[in-house]
């Protein structure tokens, strides 16, 4: 039986600029949407600092090497919340990409995550999205513009 009171959350993670260069400051935007009619409670959004970067100081920065954490007491049904952060690229990461992975945990529901990356120095971008509908995790889908619009599926559960 389908429980319509479970949250229907989605995360969208974006970085700018993309591509980035060593020494660049990157803006990060994370949007959490609750598409269900009921509110969700006790949300904790985390974003670890990616390899090759340092998190800029801010109200939700844990530390330059540990990343960010945002907490919300609730998110109303059919609403969204946006969190932002900044990081500085200090060394070339493995694979020449700054990899970001945000995760939100809520009371009595599976976690939701989103992944994205910014290349160094190639000129292409990625947008990944993960959605939980009625408590079941869907797959992350990446759109890689430079690969003739091929779709690559990745699991956020790993």
N, C-alpha and C. Protein backbone atom coordinates (compact mmCIF):
# COMPACT_ATOMS: atom_id res chain seq x y z
N UNK A 1 0.85 -1.17 0.00
CA UNK A 1 0.00 0.00 0.00
C UNK A 1 0.90 1.24 0.00
N UNK A 2 0.56 2.22 -0.77
CA UNK A 2 1.30 3.46 -0.91
C UNK A 2 0.93 4.42 0.20
N UNK A 3 1.95 4.91 0.92
CA UNK A 3 1.73 5.87 2.00
C UNK A 3 1.94 7.27 1.46
N UNK A 4 0.86 8.02 1.28
CA UNK A 4 0.95 9.35 0.69
C UNK A 4 1.50 10.39 1.66
N UNK A 5 1.76 10.00 2.91
CA UNK A 5 2.31 10.93 3.89
C UNK A 5 3.83 10.96 3.90
N UNK A 6 4.47 10.05 3.14
CA UNK A 6 5.92 10.07 3.05
C UNK A 6 6.36 11.25 2.19
N UNK A 7 7.57 11.79 2.47
CA UNK A 7 8.04 12.93 1.69
C UNK A 7 8.36 12.55 0.25
N UNK A 8 8.31 13.52 -0.61
CA UNK A 8 8.72 13.39 -2.00
C UNK A 8 9.76 14.48 -2.24
N UNK A 9 11.00 14.16 -1.90
CA UNK A 9 12.07 15.15 -1.92
C UNK A 9 12.92 15.02 -3.18
N UNK A 10 13.43 16.15 -3.63
CA UNK A 10 14.43 16.14 -4.68
C UNK A 10 15.50 17.16 -4.34
N UNK A 11 16.70 16.89 -4.79
CA UNK A 11 17.85 17.77 -4.59
C UNK A 11 18.39 18.16 -5.95
N UNK A 12 18.77 19.40 -6.08
CA UNK A 12 19.44 19.85 -7.28
C UNK A 12 20.70 20.57 -6.84
N UNK A 13 21.83 20.20 -7.39
CA UNK A 13 23.13 20.74 -7.01
C UNK A 13 23.76 21.37 -8.24
N UNK A 14 24.19 22.63 -8.13
CA UNK A 14 24.80 23.34 -9.26
C UNK A 14 26.06 24.05 -8.81
N UNK A 15 27.03 24.15 -9.72
CA UNK A 15 28.27 24.89 -9.46
C UNK A 15 28.49 25.90 -10.58
N UNK A 16 29.12 27.02 -10.23
CA UNK A 16 29.48 28.03 -11.23
C UNK A 16 30.74 28.74 -10.74
N UNK A 17 31.70 28.95 -11.59
CA UNK A 17 31.71 28.64 -13.01
C UNK A 17 32.04 27.17 -13.27
N UNK A 18 31.82 26.75 -14.46
CA UNK A 18 32.20 25.43 -14.93
C UNK A 18 32.56 25.58 -16.40
N UNK A 19 33.80 25.37 -16.77
CA UNK A 19 34.89 24.78 -16.02
C UNK A 19 35.51 25.77 -15.03
N UNK A 20 36.37 25.23 -14.15
CA UNK A 20 37.07 26.04 -13.16
C UNK A 20 38.57 25.90 -13.38
N UNK A 21 39.32 26.85 -12.83
CA UNK A 21 40.78 26.80 -12.89
C UNK A 21 41.32 26.78 -11.47
N UNK A 22 42.54 26.33 -11.32
CA UNK A 22 43.17 26.35 -10.01
C UNK A 22 43.15 27.78 -9.48
N UNK A 23 42.79 27.93 -8.21
CA UNK A 23 42.69 29.25 -7.60
C UNK A 23 41.32 29.88 -7.69
N UNK A 24 40.44 29.34 -8.54
CA UNK A 24 39.08 29.89 -8.69
C UNK A 24 38.26 29.68 -7.43
N UNK A 25 37.34 30.61 -7.20
CA UNK A 25 36.31 30.44 -6.18
C UNK A 25 35.04 30.00 -6.90
N UNK A 26 34.43 28.95 -6.40
CA UNK A 26 33.27 28.33 -7.02
C UNK A 26 32.04 28.55 -6.14
N UNK A 27 30.94 28.99 -6.74
CA UNK A 27 29.67 29.13 -6.02
C UNK A 27 28.90 27.82 -6.15
N UNK A 28 28.36 27.37 -5.02
CA UNK A 28 27.58 26.14 -4.97
C UNK A 28 26.16 26.50 -4.57
N UNK A 29 25.18 25.96 -5.29
CA UNK A 29 23.77 26.17 -4.95
C UNK A 29 23.10 24.81 -4.85
N UNK A 30 22.44 24.57 -3.72
CA UNK A 30 21.71 23.32 -3.50
C UNK A 30 20.25 23.69 -3.26
N UNK A 31 19.36 23.08 -4.02
CA UNK A 31 17.92 23.32 -3.83
C UNK A 31 17.26 22.02 -3.41
N UNK A 32 16.53 22.07 -2.30
CA UNK A 32 15.75 20.93 -1.81
C UNK A 32 14.29 21.26 -2.07
N UNK A 33 13.58 20.37 -2.72
CA UNK A 33 12.16 20.56 -2.98
C UNK A 33 11.37 19.43 -2.32
N UNK A 34 10.25 19.79 -1.70
CA UNK A 34 9.32 18.81 -1.15
C UNK A 34 8.06 18.87 -2.01
N UNK A 35 7.90 17.89 -2.88
CA UNK A 35 6.77 17.87 -3.80
C UNK A 35 5.53 17.20 -3.21
N UNK A 36 5.64 16.72 -1.98
CA UNK A 36 4.50 16.09 -1.32
C UNK A 36 3.61 17.16 -0.67
N UNK A 37 2.36 16.83 -0.38
CA UNK A 37 1.48 17.81 0.26
C UNK A 37 1.78 18.01 1.74
N UNK A 38 2.48 17.07 2.36
CA UNK A 38 2.76 17.14 3.80
C UNK A 38 4.17 17.66 4.06
N UNK A 39 4.37 18.32 5.19
CA UNK A 39 5.71 18.80 5.52
C UNK A 39 6.62 17.64 5.92
N UNK A 40 7.93 17.90 5.84
CA UNK A 40 8.94 16.97 6.36
C UNK A 40 9.65 17.68 7.50
N UNK A 41 10.16 16.90 8.45
CA UNK A 41 10.74 17.46 9.66
C UNK A 41 12.18 16.99 9.85
N UNK A 42 12.92 17.81 10.55
CA UNK A 42 14.29 17.49 10.97
C UNK A 42 15.18 17.14 9.77
N UNK A 43 15.31 18.07 8.85
CA UNK A 43 16.16 17.88 7.68
C UNK A 43 17.59 18.28 8.03
N UNK A 44 18.54 17.47 7.59
CA UNK A 44 19.95 17.78 7.72
C UNK A 44 20.58 17.62 6.34
N UNK A 45 21.08 18.72 5.80
CA UNK A 45 21.72 18.74 4.49
C UNK A 45 23.22 18.85 4.71
N UNK A 46 23.99 17.94 4.11
CA UNK A 46 25.45 17.98 4.22
C UNK A 46 26.09 17.99 2.84
N UNK A 47 27.22 18.67 2.77
CA UNK A 47 28.02 18.71 1.54
C UNK A 47 29.48 18.68 1.97
N UNK A 48 30.14 17.52 1.86
CA UNK A 48 31.56 17.45 2.21
C UNK A 48 32.40 18.26 1.23
N UNK A 49 33.52 18.78 1.71
CA UNK A 49 34.46 19.49 0.84
C UNK A 49 35.05 18.50 -0.15
N UNK A 50 35.01 18.82 -1.45
CA UNK A 50 35.58 17.90 -2.42
C UNK A 50 37.11 17.93 -2.41
N UNK A 51 37.72 16.87 -2.93
CA UNK A 51 39.18 16.81 -3.06
C UNK A 51 39.66 17.98 -3.90
N UNK A 52 40.77 18.56 -3.50
CA UNK A 52 41.37 19.64 -4.25
C UNK A 52 40.79 21.01 -3.94
N UNK A 53 39.90 21.10 -2.94
CA UNK A 53 39.24 22.37 -2.65
C UNK A 53 39.18 22.61 -1.15
N UNK A 54 38.90 23.86 -0.79
CA UNK A 54 38.66 24.24 0.60
C UNK A 54 37.35 25.00 0.68
N UNK A 55 36.53 24.67 1.66
CA UNK A 55 35.26 25.38 1.86
C UNK A 55 35.54 26.76 2.41
N UNK A 56 34.89 27.78 1.83
CA UNK A 56 35.02 29.15 2.32
C UNK A 56 34.25 29.29 3.62
N UNK A 57 34.74 30.15 4.48
CA UNK A 57 34.09 30.39 5.76
C UNK A 57 32.69 30.97 5.55
N UNK A 58 31.73 30.52 6.32
CA UNK A 58 30.36 31.00 6.24
C UNK A 58 29.55 30.45 7.40
N UNK A 59 28.29 30.85 7.51
CA UNK A 59 27.48 30.44 8.66
C UNK A 59 27.23 28.94 8.74
N UNK A 60 27.32 28.21 7.64
CA UNK A 60 27.05 26.78 7.66
C UNK A 60 28.29 25.94 7.37
N UNK A 61 29.46 26.57 7.37
CA UNK A 61 30.70 25.85 7.13
C UNK A 61 31.12 25.14 8.41
N UNK A 62 31.34 23.83 8.30
CA UNK A 62 31.85 23.06 9.44
C UNK A 62 33.32 23.40 9.63
N UNK A 63 34.10 23.25 8.55
CA UNK A 63 35.51 23.63 8.51
C UNK A 63 35.92 23.64 7.04
N UNK A 64 37.08 24.25 6.70
CA UNK A 64 37.50 24.26 5.30
C UNK A 64 37.66 22.87 4.69
N UNK A 65 38.04 21.88 5.49
CA UNK A 65 38.26 20.53 4.96
C UNK A 65 37.07 19.60 5.14
N UNK A 66 36.12 19.95 6.00
CA UNK A 66 34.96 19.08 6.25
C UNK A 66 33.71 19.48 5.47
N UNK A 67 33.61 20.75 5.04
CA UNK A 67 32.47 21.15 4.22
C UNK A 67 31.40 21.90 4.98
N UNK A 68 30.14 21.64 4.62
CA UNK A 68 29.01 22.41 5.11
C UNK A 68 27.93 21.50 5.68
N UNK A 69 27.11 22.09 6.56
CA UNK A 69 25.92 21.41 7.07
C UNK A 69 24.85 22.45 7.36
N UNK A 70 23.64 22.18 6.85
CA UNK A 70 22.48 23.03 7.09
C UNK A 70 21.43 22.18 7.79
N UNK A 71 20.73 22.75 8.76
CA UNK A 71 19.64 22.03 9.42
C UNK A 71 18.36 22.85 9.30
N UNK A 72 17.27 22.14 9.09
CA UNK A 72 15.94 22.76 9.01
C UNK A 72 15.00 21.99 9.92
N UNK A 73 14.22 22.71 10.69
CA UNK A 73 13.23 22.04 11.54
C UNK A 73 12.13 21.43 10.69
N UNK A 74 11.76 22.12 9.59
CA UNK A 74 10.72 21.57 8.72
C UNK A 74 10.80 22.22 7.34
N UNK A 75 10.21 21.53 6.38
CA UNK A 75 10.04 22.04 5.02
C UNK A 75 8.61 21.73 4.63
N UNK A 76 7.83 22.77 4.44
CA UNK A 76 6.41 22.60 4.12
C UNK A 76 6.20 21.82 2.83
N UNK A 77 5.01 21.23 2.70
CA UNK A 77 4.64 20.56 1.47
C UNK A 77 4.60 21.53 0.31
N UNK A 78 4.97 21.05 -0.87
CA UNK A 78 4.98 21.85 -2.09
C UNK A 78 5.81 23.13 -1.93
N UNK A 79 6.97 22.98 -1.28
CA UNK A 79 7.86 24.14 -1.13
C UNK A 79 9.30 23.71 -1.37
N UNK A 80 10.18 24.71 -1.42
CA UNK A 80 11.59 24.44 -1.64
C UNK A 80 12.45 25.36 -0.80
N UNK A 81 13.69 24.96 -0.61
CA UNK A 81 14.67 25.73 0.15
C UNK A 81 15.97 25.70 -0.62
N UNK A 82 16.69 26.82 -0.62
CA UNK A 82 17.97 26.90 -1.31
C UNK A 82 19.08 27.19 -0.30
N UNK A 83 20.17 26.46 -0.42
CA UNK A 83 21.36 26.67 0.41
C UNK A 83 22.52 27.01 -0.52
N UNK A 84 23.42 27.84 -0.04
CA UNK A 84 24.57 28.23 -0.87
C UNK A 84 25.86 28.11 -0.07
N UNK A 85 26.94 27.94 -0.79
CA UNK A 85 28.27 27.91 -0.22
C UNK A 85 29.28 28.29 -1.28
N UNK A 86 30.51 28.50 -0.85
CA UNK A 86 31.59 28.83 -1.77
C UNK A 86 32.81 28.00 -1.41
N UNK A 87 33.56 27.61 -2.43
CA UNK A 87 34.80 26.89 -2.19
C UNK A 87 35.88 27.44 -3.11
N UNK A 88 37.12 27.19 -2.73
CA UNK A 88 38.25 27.61 -3.55
C UNK A 88 39.02 26.38 -3.99
N UNK A 89 39.32 26.28 -5.27
CA UNK A 89 40.07 25.16 -5.83
C UNK A 89 41.55 25.42 -5.56
N UNK A 90 42.19 24.56 -4.76
CA UNK A 90 43.57 24.79 -4.35
C UNK A 90 44.57 23.83 -4.99
N UNK A 91 44.09 22.70 -5.50
CA UNK A 91 44.97 21.77 -6.22
C UNK A 91 44.16 20.96 -7.20
N UNK A 92 44.86 20.42 -8.19
CA UNK A 92 44.19 19.64 -9.23
C UNK A 92 43.74 18.30 -8.62
N UNK A 93 42.42 18.04 -8.61
CA UNK A 93 41.94 16.77 -8.06
C UNK A 93 42.15 15.62 -9.04
N UNK A 94 42.10 14.40 -8.52
CA UNK A 94 42.18 13.22 -9.36
C UNK A 94 41.07 13.27 -10.39
N UNK A 95 41.38 12.97 -11.63
CA UNK A 95 40.39 12.99 -12.70
C UNK A 95 40.10 14.37 -13.25
N UNK A 96 40.84 15.38 -12.77
CA UNK A 96 40.67 16.75 -13.25
C UNK A 96 39.25 17.26 -13.12
N UNK A 97 38.56 16.84 -12.05
CA UNK A 97 37.18 17.29 -11.82
C UNK A 97 36.96 17.51 -10.34
N UNK A 98 36.32 18.63 -10.01
CA UNK A 98 35.90 18.90 -8.64
C UNK A 98 34.55 18.20 -8.46
N UNK A 99 34.53 17.11 -7.69
CA UNK A 99 33.32 16.29 -7.52
C UNK A 99 32.60 16.71 -6.25
N UNK A 100 31.31 16.99 -6.36
CA UNK A 100 30.50 17.39 -5.22
C UNK A 100 29.37 16.38 -5.03
N UNK A 101 29.08 16.07 -3.76
CA UNK A 101 28.00 15.12 -3.45
C UNK A 101 27.26 15.62 -2.22
N UNK A 102 26.08 16.16 -2.42
CA UNK A 102 25.24 16.65 -1.32
C UNK A 102 24.27 15.54 -0.92
N UNK A 103 23.90 15.56 0.36
CA UNK A 103 22.97 14.56 0.88
C UNK A 103 22.04 15.21 1.88
N UNK A 104 20.76 14.85 1.84
CA UNK A 104 19.80 15.32 2.84
C UNK A 104 19.21 14.10 3.53
N UNK A 105 19.15 14.18 4.86
CA UNK A 105 18.51 13.14 5.66
C UNK A 105 17.33 13.78 6.36
N UNK A 106 16.23 13.04 6.41
CA UNK A 106 15.03 13.53 7.09
C UNK A 106 14.51 12.43 8.01
N UNK A 107 13.70 12.85 8.95
CA UNK A 107 13.11 11.93 9.91
C UNK A 107 12.25 10.90 9.20
N UNK A 108 12.48 9.62 9.47
CA UNK A 108 11.66 8.50 8.97
C UNK A 108 11.55 8.43 7.46
N UNK A 109 12.64 8.72 6.75
CA UNK A 109 12.62 8.61 5.29
C UNK A 109 14.02 8.28 4.80
N UNK A 110 14.13 7.66 3.62
CA UNK A 110 15.45 7.38 3.06
C UNK A 110 16.20 8.68 2.75
N UNK A 111 17.53 8.61 2.74
CA UNK A 111 18.32 9.77 2.37
C UNK A 111 18.18 10.06 0.89
N UNK A 112 18.45 11.30 0.53
CA UNK A 112 18.40 11.74 -0.86
C UNK A 112 19.75 12.39 -1.16
N UNK A 113 20.31 12.14 -2.34
CA UNK A 113 21.58 12.77 -2.66
C UNK A 113 21.59 13.29 -4.09
N UNK A 114 22.53 14.18 -4.33
CA UNK A 114 22.75 14.71 -5.67
C UNK A 114 24.25 14.83 -5.87
N UNK A 115 24.70 14.57 -7.08
CA UNK A 115 26.11 14.66 -7.41
C UNK A 115 26.27 15.58 -8.61
N UNK A 116 27.37 16.31 -8.63
CA UNK A 116 27.72 17.09 -9.81
C UNK A 116 29.22 17.31 -9.80
N UNK A 117 29.76 17.83 -10.89
CA UNK A 117 31.18 18.14 -10.91
C UNK A 117 31.45 19.30 -11.84
N UNK A 118 32.61 19.93 -11.63
CA UNK A 118 33.11 20.98 -12.51
C UNK A 118 34.48 20.54 -12.99
N UNK A 119 34.70 20.63 -14.28
CA UNK A 119 35.94 20.15 -14.87
C UNK A 119 37.05 21.18 -14.78
N UNK A 120 38.28 20.68 -14.75
CA UNK A 120 39.49 21.49 -14.83
C UNK A 120 40.33 20.88 -15.93
N UNK A 121 40.58 21.48 -17.05
CA UNK A 121 40.11 22.74 -17.59
C UNK A 121 39.10 22.56 -18.69
N UNK A 122 38.64 21.32 -18.96
CA UNK A 122 37.72 21.07 -20.07
C UNK A 122 36.46 21.89 -19.95
N UNK A 123 35.81 22.15 -21.08
CA UNK A 123 34.66 23.05 -21.13
C UNK A 123 33.36 22.28 -21.33
N UNK A 124 32.93 21.59 -20.29
CA UNK A 124 31.61 20.98 -20.34
C UNK A 124 31.04 20.90 -18.95
N UNK A 125 29.73 20.84 -18.86
CA UNK A 125 29.06 20.87 -17.57
C UNK A 125 28.19 19.66 -17.37
N UNK A 126 27.76 19.49 -16.13
CA UNK A 126 26.95 18.35 -15.76
C UNK A 126 25.87 18.80 -14.81
N UNK A 127 24.73 18.23 -14.95
CA UNK A 127 23.67 18.46 -13.97
C UNK A 127 23.15 17.09 -13.59
N UNK A 128 23.16 16.79 -12.28
CA UNK A 128 22.65 15.51 -11.80
C UNK A 128 21.52 15.75 -10.85
N UNK A 129 20.61 14.85 -10.83
CA UNK A 129 19.46 15.02 -9.95
C UNK A 129 19.05 13.66 -9.40
N UNK A 130 18.66 13.64 -8.15
CA UNK A 130 18.15 12.42 -7.54
C UNK A 130 16.84 12.77 -6.84
N UNK A 131 15.88 11.91 -6.96
CA UNK A 131 14.57 12.18 -6.40
C UNK A 131 14.10 10.98 -5.59
N UNK A 132 13.46 11.24 -4.47
CA UNK A 132 12.79 10.18 -3.73
C UNK A 132 11.30 10.45 -3.83
N UNK A 133 10.56 9.53 -4.38
CA UNK A 133 9.12 9.64 -4.50
C UNK A 133 8.49 8.61 -3.59
N UNK A 134 7.69 9.07 -2.66
CA UNK A 134 7.00 8.20 -1.73
C UNK A 134 7.94 7.22 -1.04
N UNK A 135 9.13 7.74 -0.68
CA UNK A 135 10.06 6.95 0.10
C UNK A 135 10.93 5.99 -0.68
N UNK A 136 10.89 5.99 -1.98
CA UNK A 136 11.73 5.09 -2.76
C UNK A 136 12.74 5.89 -3.56
N UNK A 137 14.00 5.48 -3.49
CA UNK A 137 15.07 6.22 -4.18
C UNK A 137 15.01 5.95 -5.67
N UNK A 138 15.11 7.00 -6.44
CA UNK A 138 15.22 6.89 -7.90
C UNK A 138 16.69 7.03 -8.26
N UNK A 139 17.05 6.80 -9.50
CA UNK A 139 18.45 6.87 -9.89
C UNK A 139 18.86 8.30 -10.20
N UNK A 140 20.16 8.56 -10.02
CA UNK A 140 20.72 9.85 -10.44
C UNK A 140 20.93 9.78 -11.94
N UNK A 141 20.58 10.83 -12.64
CA UNK A 141 20.76 10.86 -14.08
C UNK A 141 21.59 12.07 -14.43
N UNK A 142 22.66 11.85 -15.15
CA UNK A 142 23.55 12.94 -15.53
C UNK A 142 23.37 13.26 -17.00
N UNK A 143 23.36 14.56 -17.31
CA UNK A 143 23.36 14.98 -18.71
C UNK A 143 24.74 15.50 -19.03
N UNK A 144 25.44 14.83 -19.89
CA UNK A 144 26.79 15.23 -20.27
C UNK A 144 26.72 15.88 -21.65
N UNK A 145 26.76 17.20 -21.67
CA UNK A 145 26.55 17.96 -22.90
C UNK A 145 27.60 17.66 -23.95
N UNK A 146 28.84 17.40 -23.55
CA UNK A 146 29.92 17.19 -24.50
C UNK A 146 29.92 15.81 -25.13
N UNK A 147 29.11 14.89 -24.68
CA UNK A 147 29.08 13.53 -25.20
C UNK A 147 27.82 13.28 -26.01
N UNK A 148 27.50 14.20 -26.91
CA UNK A 148 26.37 14.04 -27.83
C UNK A 148 25.08 13.72 -27.11
N UNK A 149 24.87 14.36 -25.95
CA UNK A 149 23.64 14.25 -25.19
C UNK A 149 23.36 12.84 -24.70
N UNK A 150 24.43 12.02 -24.55
CA UNK A 150 24.23 10.68 -23.98
C UNK A 150 23.83 10.79 -22.52
N UNK A 151 22.98 9.89 -22.07
CA UNK A 151 22.55 9.86 -20.68
C UNK A 151 23.30 8.74 -19.96
N UNK A 152 23.86 9.09 -18.81
CA UNK A 152 24.59 8.15 -17.99
C UNK A 152 23.88 8.05 -16.65
N UNK A 153 23.54 6.86 -16.23
CA UNK A 153 22.88 6.70 -14.93
C UNK A 153 23.90 6.27 -13.89
N UNK A 154 23.76 6.87 -12.70
CA UNK A 154 24.63 6.54 -11.58
C UNK A 154 23.76 6.41 -10.33
N UNK A 155 24.19 5.57 -9.45
CA UNK A 155 23.45 5.41 -8.19
C UNK A 155 23.96 6.38 -7.15
N UNK A 156 23.06 7.02 -6.41
CA UNK A 156 23.44 7.88 -5.30
C UNK A 156 23.63 7.09 -4.03
N UNK A 157 23.35 5.82 -4.06
CA UNK A 157 23.40 5.04 -2.83
C UNK A 157 24.79 4.53 -2.51
N UNK A 158 25.76 4.75 -3.40
CA UNK A 158 27.11 4.26 -3.16
C UNK A 158 28.02 5.25 -2.54
